[in-house]
Amino acid sequence: MQAARRPRRRPGRRSDPMAEVVVYHAENCHLCERALVQLRTLQAELGFELREVDIGGDPALEAEYREWIPVVEVDGRRRFTYFVQPLALRRAVAQADTR
């Protein structure tokens, strides 16, 4: 039986869970590089948890994501492929933080 997952918390804020943003990317992908720069900048502004997943060398991840990279998920929900839209990401993170 797995232990229950504890919600992530924002530093300095005890009651608010932190949104998790996951970006699936690969080496030598110019769209991925652009998305990573945008996400790192927005992370500093919005305070979400950012997890970067390199799909290279993993056949299952390659099959799932290669055609669509970069793929960005917010709290497990796919939000963007190819391009990150900053305003829409701000809304998605704000919405995730209220859950």
C-alpha atoms as a PDB file:
ATOM      1  CA  MET A   1       0.000   0.000   0.000  1.00  0.00           C
ATOM      2  CA  GLN A   2       1.377   3.411  -0.980  1.00  0.00           C
ATOM      3  CA  ALA A   3       1.659   6.237   1.479  1.00  0.00           C
ATOM      4  CA  ALA A   4      -0.611   9.200   0.840  1.00  0.00           C
ATOM      5  CA  ARG A   5       1.050  12.009  -1.072  1.00  0.00           C
ATOM      6  CA  ARG A   6       1.425  15.217   0.886  1.00  0.00           C
ATOM      7  CA  PRO A   7       0.583  18.399  -1.000  1.00  0.00           C
ATOM      8  CA  ARG A   8       3.520  20.606  -1.950  1.00  0.00           C
ATOM      9  CA  ARG A   9       3.669  23.867  -0.039  1.00  0.00           C
ATOM     10  CA  ARG A  10       4.779  27.324  -1.075  1.00  0.00           C
ATOM     11  CA  PRO A  11       7.789  28.554   0.847  1.00  0.00           C
ATOM     12  CA  GLY A  12       6.647  30.883   3.601  1.00  0.00           C
ATOM     13  CA  ARG A  13       2.961  29.989   3.138  1.00  0.00           C
ATOM     14  CA  ARG A  14       1.858  27.057   5.232  1.00  0.00           C
ATOM     15  CA  SER A  15      -1.700  26.587   3.982  1.00  0.00           C
ATOM     16  CA  ASP A  16      -1.408  26.969   0.192  1.00  0.00           C
ATOM     17  CA  PRO A  17      -0.349  23.989  -1.927  1.00  0.00           C
ATOM     18  CA  MET A  18       2.057  24.806  -4.758  1.00  0.00           C
ATOM     19  CA  ALA A  19       1.129  24.023  -8.353  1.00  0.00           C
ATOM     20  CA  GLU A  20       3.380  21.521 -10.107  1.00  0.00           C
ATOM     21  CA  VAL A  21       4.386  22.271 -13.695  1.00  0.00           C
ATOM     22  CA  VAL A  22       6.041  19.461 -15.655  1.00  0.00           C
ATOM     23  CA  VAL A  23       7.733  20.024 -18.996  1.00  0.00           C
ATOM     24  CA  TYR A  24       8.657  17.085 -21.227  1.00  0.00           C
ATOM     25  CA  HIS A  25      11.538  18.033 -23.509  1.00  0.00           C
ATOM     26  CA  ALA A  26      14.481  16.664 -25.511  1.00  0.00           C
ATOM     27  CA  GLU A  27      17.971  17.763 -26.489  1.00  0.00           C
ATOM     28  CA  ASN A  28      18.416  19.757 -29.685  1.00  0.00           C
ATOM     29  CA  CYS A  29      14.777  20.861 -29.692  1.00  0.00           C
ATOM     30  CA  HIS A  30      14.646  24.631 -30.227  1.00  0.00           C
ATOM     31  CA  LEU A  31      11.007  24.817 -29.150  1.00  0.00           C
ATOM     32  CA  CYS A  32      11.929  22.968 -25.947  1.00  0.00           C
ATOM     33  CA  GLU A  33      14.761  25.383 -25.223  1.00  0.00           C
ATOM     34  CA  ARG A  34      12.431  28.338 -25.670  1.00  0.00           C
ATOM     35  CA  ALA A  35       9.757  26.765 -23.436  1.00  0.00           C
ATOM     36  CA  LEU A  36      12.294  25.995 -20.696  1.00  0.00           C
ATOM     37  CA  VAL A  37      13.510  29.611 -20.644  1.00  0.00           C
ATOM     38  CA  GLN A  38       9.925  30.878 -20.442  1.00  0.00           C
ATOM     39  CA  LEU A  39       8.982  28.415 -17.696  1.00  0.00           C
ATOM     40  CA  ARG A  40      12.039  29.185 -15.571  1.00  0.00           C
ATOM     41  CA  THR A  41      11.287  32.905 -15.834  1.00  0.00           C
ATOM     42  CA  LEU A  42       7.618  32.392 -14.970  1.00  0.00           C
ATOM     43  CA  GLN A  43       8.558  30.083 -12.085  1.00  0.00           C
ATOM     44  CA  ALA A  44      10.530  32.933 -10.480  1.00  0.00           C
ATOM     45  CA  GLU A  45       7.467  35.174 -10.828  1.00  0.00           C
ATOM     46  CA  LEU A  46       4.676  32.730  -9.922  1.00  0.00           C
ATOM     47  CA  GLY A  47       6.390  30.354  -7.486  1.00  0.00           C
ATOM     48  CA  PHE A  48       5.274  26.999  -8.911  1.00  0.00           C
ATOM     49  CA  GLU A  49       7.251  23.765  -8.666  1.00  0.00           C
ATOM     50  CA  LEU A  50       8.941  23.031 -12.009  1.00  0.00           C
ATOM     51  CA  ARG A  51       9.938  19.510 -13.002  1.00  0.00           C
ATOM     52  CA  GLU A  52      11.906  19.057 -16.225  1.00  0.00           C
ATOM     53  CA  VAL A  53      11.691  15.603 -17.836  1.00  0.00           C
ATOM     54  CA  ASP A  54      14.116  14.787 -20.645  1.00  0.00           C
ATOM     55  CA  ILE A  55      12.434  12.112 -22.775  1.00  0.00           C
ATOM     56  CA  GLY A  56      15.681  11.136 -24.523  1.00  0.00           C
ATOM     57  CA  GLY A  57      16.614   7.484 -24.104  1.00  0.00           C
ATOM     58  CA  ASP A  58      13.300   6.398 -22.600  1.00  0.00           C
ATOM     59  CA  PRO A  59      11.302   4.474 -25.233  1.00  0.00           C
ATOM     60  CA  ALA A  60       7.984   4.902 -23.397  1.00  0.00           C
ATOM     61  CA  LEU A  61       8.410   8.672 -23.011  1.00  0.00           C
ATOM     62  CA  GLU A  62       9.664   8.979 -26.587  1.00  0.00           C
ATOM     63  CA  ALA A  63       6.554   7.181 -27.881  1.00  0.00           C
ATOM     64  CA  GLU A  64       4.229   9.297 -25.737  1.00  0.00           C
ATOM     65  CA  TYR A  65       5.728  12.762 -26.186  1.00  0.00           C
ATOM     66  CA  ARG A  66       8.224  13.037 -29.095  1.00  0.00           C
ATOM     67  CA  GLU A  67       5.650  14.210 -31.629  1.00  0.00           C
ATOM     68  CA  TRP A  68       4.334  16.912 -29.291  1.00  0.00           C
ATOM     69  CA  ILE A  69       7.388  18.310 -27.434  1.00  0.00           C
ATOM     70  CA  PRO A  70       7.632  20.422 -25.557  1.00  0.00           C
ATOM     71  CA  VAL A  71       4.633  19.241 -23.564  1.00  0.00           C
ATOM     72  CA  VAL A  72       3.678  21.220 -20.463  1.00  0.00           C
ATOM     73  CA  GLU A  73       1.362  19.877 -17.774  1.00  0.00           C
ATOM     74  CA  VAL A  74      -0.018  21.758 -14.783  1.00  0.00           C
ATOM     75  CA  ASP A  75      -0.943  19.487 -11.881  1.00  0.00           C
ATOM     76  CA  GLY A  76      -1.126  16.479 -14.196  1.00  0.00           C
ATOM     77  CA  ARG A  77      -3.285  18.128 -16.866  1.00  0.00           C
ATOM     78  CA  ARG A  78      -1.785  18.759 -20.298  1.00  0.00           C
ATOM     79  CA  ARG A  79      -1.953  22.476 -20.978  1.00  0.00           C
ATOM     80  CA  PHE A  80       0.507  23.217 -23.809  1.00  0.00           C
ATOM     81  CA  THR A  81       2.271  21.554 -26.711  1.00  0.00           C
ATOM     82  CA  TYR A  82       4.894  23.215 -28.902  1.00  0.00           C
ATOM     83  CA  PHE A  83       4.518  26.699 -27.333  1.00  0.00           C
ATOM     84  CA  VAL A  84       3.908  28.084 -23.840  1.00  0.00           C
ATOM     85  CA  GLN A  85       1.374  30.885 -23.629  1.00  0.00           C
ATOM     86  CA  PRO A  86       2.384  32.946 -20.568  1.00  0.00           C
ATOM     87  CA  LEU A  87      -1.040  34.430 -19.816  1.00  0.00           C
ATOM     88  CA  ALA A  88      -2.729  31.028 -20.060  1.00  0.00           C
ATOM     89  CA  LEU A  89      -0.024  29.499 -17.845  1.00  0.00           C
ATOM     90  CA  ARG A  90      -0.585  32.209 -15.225  1.00  0.00           C
ATOM     91  CA  ARG A  91      -4.312  31.364 -15.221  1.00  0.00           C
ATOM     92  CA  ALA A  92      -3.664  27.606 -15.036  1.00  0.00           C
ATOM     93  CA  VAL A  93      -1.245  27.996 -12.114  1.00  0.00           C
ATOM     94  CA  ALA A  94      -3.642  30.329 -10.289  1.00  0.00           C
ATOM     95  CA  GLN A  95      -6.474  27.867 -10.837  1.00  0.00           C
ATOM     96  CA  ALA A  96      -4.344  24.946  -9.603  1.00  0.00           C
ATOM     97  CA  ASP A  97      -3.349  26.916  -6.496  1.00  0.00           C
ATOM     98  CA  THR A  98      -6.998  27.346  -5.491  1.00  0.00           C
ATOM     99  CA  ARG A  99      -7.683  23.614  -5.379  1.00  0.00           C
END
